[in-house]
Amino acid sequence: MTSTEPNVKLTSRYSIVETCKLLGIHRNTLSRYAKKGRIRYGIRASTGRKFYLGSEILKFWQKSW
């Protein structure tokens, strides 16, 4: 995990790939954290794909340090 606070907009939506790059983790690791409830995600109604809010990314990062 990156030691630098992710530069995100709190209300923006980030894809799995974007979230992994911001946090410096692998997508399988992100999936494992999501399944354990350590980071919450939403699902886009139009595509059915997961997204992570910037506020959730920051909250997760802060708890991890």
C-alpha atoms as a PDB file:
ATOM      1  CA  MET A   1       0.000   0.000   0.000  1.00  0.00           C
ATOM      2  CA  THR A   2       1.226   3.458  -0.841  1.00  0.00           C
ATOM      3  CA  SER A   3       2.494   5.654   1.976  1.00  0.00           C
ATOM      4  CA  THR A   4       1.321   8.797   0.181  1.00  0.00           C
ATOM      5  CA  GLU A   5      -2.264   9.917   0.713  1.00  0.00           C
ATOM      6  CA  PRO A   6      -4.279   9.291  -2.479  1.00  0.00           C
ATOM      7  CA  ASN A   7      -5.193  12.453  -4.373  1.00  0.00           C
ATOM      8  CA  VAL A   8      -8.932  11.956  -4.930  1.00  0.00           C
ATOM      9  CA  LYS A   9     -12.087  14.033  -5.110  1.00  0.00           C
ATOM     10  CA  LEU A  10     -14.359  12.902  -2.270  1.00  0.00           C
ATOM     11  CA  THR A  11     -17.520  12.609  -4.374  1.00  0.00           C
ATOM     12  CA  SER A  12     -15.931  11.156  -7.513  1.00  0.00           C
ATOM     13  CA  ARG A  13     -16.358   7.533  -8.534  1.00  0.00           C
ATOM     14  CA  TYR A  14     -13.279   5.417  -9.249  1.00  0.00           C
ATOM     15  CA  SER A  15     -13.091   2.109 -11.083  1.00  0.00           C
ATOM     16  CA  ILE A  16     -11.372  -0.954  -9.668  1.00  0.00           C
ATOM     17  CA  VAL A  17      -8.249  -0.269 -11.759  1.00  0.00           C
ATOM     18  CA  GLU A  18      -8.113   3.389 -10.710  1.00  0.00           C
ATOM     19  CA  THR A  19      -8.627   2.502  -7.043  1.00  0.00           C
ATOM     20  CA  CYS A  20      -5.847  -0.087  -7.159  1.00  0.00           C
ATOM     21  CA  LYS A  21      -3.445   2.411  -8.719  1.00  0.00           C
ATOM     22  CA  LEU A  22      -4.316   5.062  -6.122  1.00  0.00           C
ATOM     23  CA  LEU A  23      -3.777   2.654  -3.224  1.00  0.00           C
ATOM     24  CA  GLY A  24      -0.859   0.762  -4.764  1.00  0.00           C
ATOM     25  CA  ILE A  25      -2.454  -2.668  -4.321  1.00  0.00           C
ATOM     26  CA  HIS A  26      -3.419  -5.554  -6.604  1.00  0.00           C
ATOM     27  CA  ARG A  27      -7.048  -5.982  -7.688  1.00  0.00           C
ATOM     28  CA  ASN A  28      -7.266  -9.314  -5.847  1.00  0.00           C
ATOM     29  CA  THR A  29      -6.206  -7.570  -2.642  1.00  0.00           C
ATOM     30  CA  LEU A  30      -8.860  -4.899  -3.169  1.00  0.00           C
ATOM     31  CA  SER A  31     -11.463  -7.590  -3.741  1.00  0.00           C
ATOM     32  CA  ARG A  32     -10.433  -9.363  -0.541  1.00  0.00           C
ATOM     33  CA  TYR A  33     -10.717  -6.121   1.464  1.00  0.00           C
ATOM     34  CA  ALA A  34     -14.138  -5.416  -0.053  1.00  0.00           C
ATOM     35  CA  LYS A  35     -15.396  -8.920   0.811  1.00  0.00           C
ATOM     36  CA  LYS A  36     -14.247  -8.428   4.403  1.00  0.00           C
ATOM     37  CA  GLY A  37     -16.081  -5.085   4.524  1.00  0.00           C
ATOM     38  CA  ARG A  38     -12.952  -2.991   5.029  1.00  0.00           C
ATOM     39  CA  ILE A  39     -13.826  -0.802   2.015  1.00  0.00           C
ATOM     40  CA  ARG A  40     -17.300  -0.188   0.656  1.00  0.00           C
ATOM     41  CA  TYR A  41     -18.209  -0.014  -3.016  1.00  0.00           C
ATOM     42  CA  GLY A  42     -21.201   0.839  -5.151  1.00  0.00           C
ATOM     43  CA  ILE A  43     -22.483  -0.694  -8.361  1.00  0.00           C
ATOM     44  CA  ARG A  44     -23.193   1.378 -11.447  1.00  0.00           C
ATOM     45  CA  ALA A  45     -26.806   0.923 -12.500  1.00  0.00           C
ATOM     46  CA  SER A  46     -26.030   1.262 -16.201  1.00  0.00           C
ATOM     47  CA  THR A  47     -23.170  -1.255 -16.399  1.00  0.00           C
ATOM     48  CA  GLY A  48     -23.361  -3.306 -13.211  1.00  0.00           C
ATOM     49  CA  ARG A  49     -19.673  -2.614 -12.480  1.00  0.00           C
ATOM     50  CA  LYS A  50     -18.241  -1.778  -9.081  1.00  0.00           C
ATOM     51  CA  PHE A  51     -17.001   1.696  -8.220  1.00  0.00           C
ATOM     52  CA  TYR A  52     -15.358   3.218  -5.168  1.00  0.00           C
ATOM     53  CA  LEU A  53     -16.063   6.736  -3.933  1.00  0.00           C
ATOM     54  CA  GLY A  54     -13.091   8.967  -3.263  1.00  0.00           C
ATOM     55  CA  SER A  55     -14.261   9.370   0.338  1.00  0.00           C
ATOM     56  CA  GLU A  56     -14.198   5.580   0.834  1.00  0.00           C
ATOM     57  CA  ILE A  57     -10.720   5.330  -0.664  1.00  0.00           C
ATOM     58  CA  LEU A  58      -9.409   7.982   1.728  1.00  0.00           C
ATOM     59  CA  LYS A  59     -11.171   6.448   4.719  1.00  0.00           C
ATOM     60  CA  PHE A  60      -9.706   3.036   3.909  1.00  0.00           C
ATOM     61  CA  TRP A  61      -6.210   4.489   3.408  1.00  0.00           C
ATOM     62  CA  GLN A  62      -6.353   6.382   6.725  1.00  0.00           C
ATOM     63  CA  LYS A  63      -7.449   3.267   8.646  1.00  0.00           C
ATOM     64  CA  SER A  64      -4.640   1.259   7.093  1.00  0.00           C
ATOM     65  CA  TRP A  65      -1.978   3.598   8.485  1.00  0.00           C
END
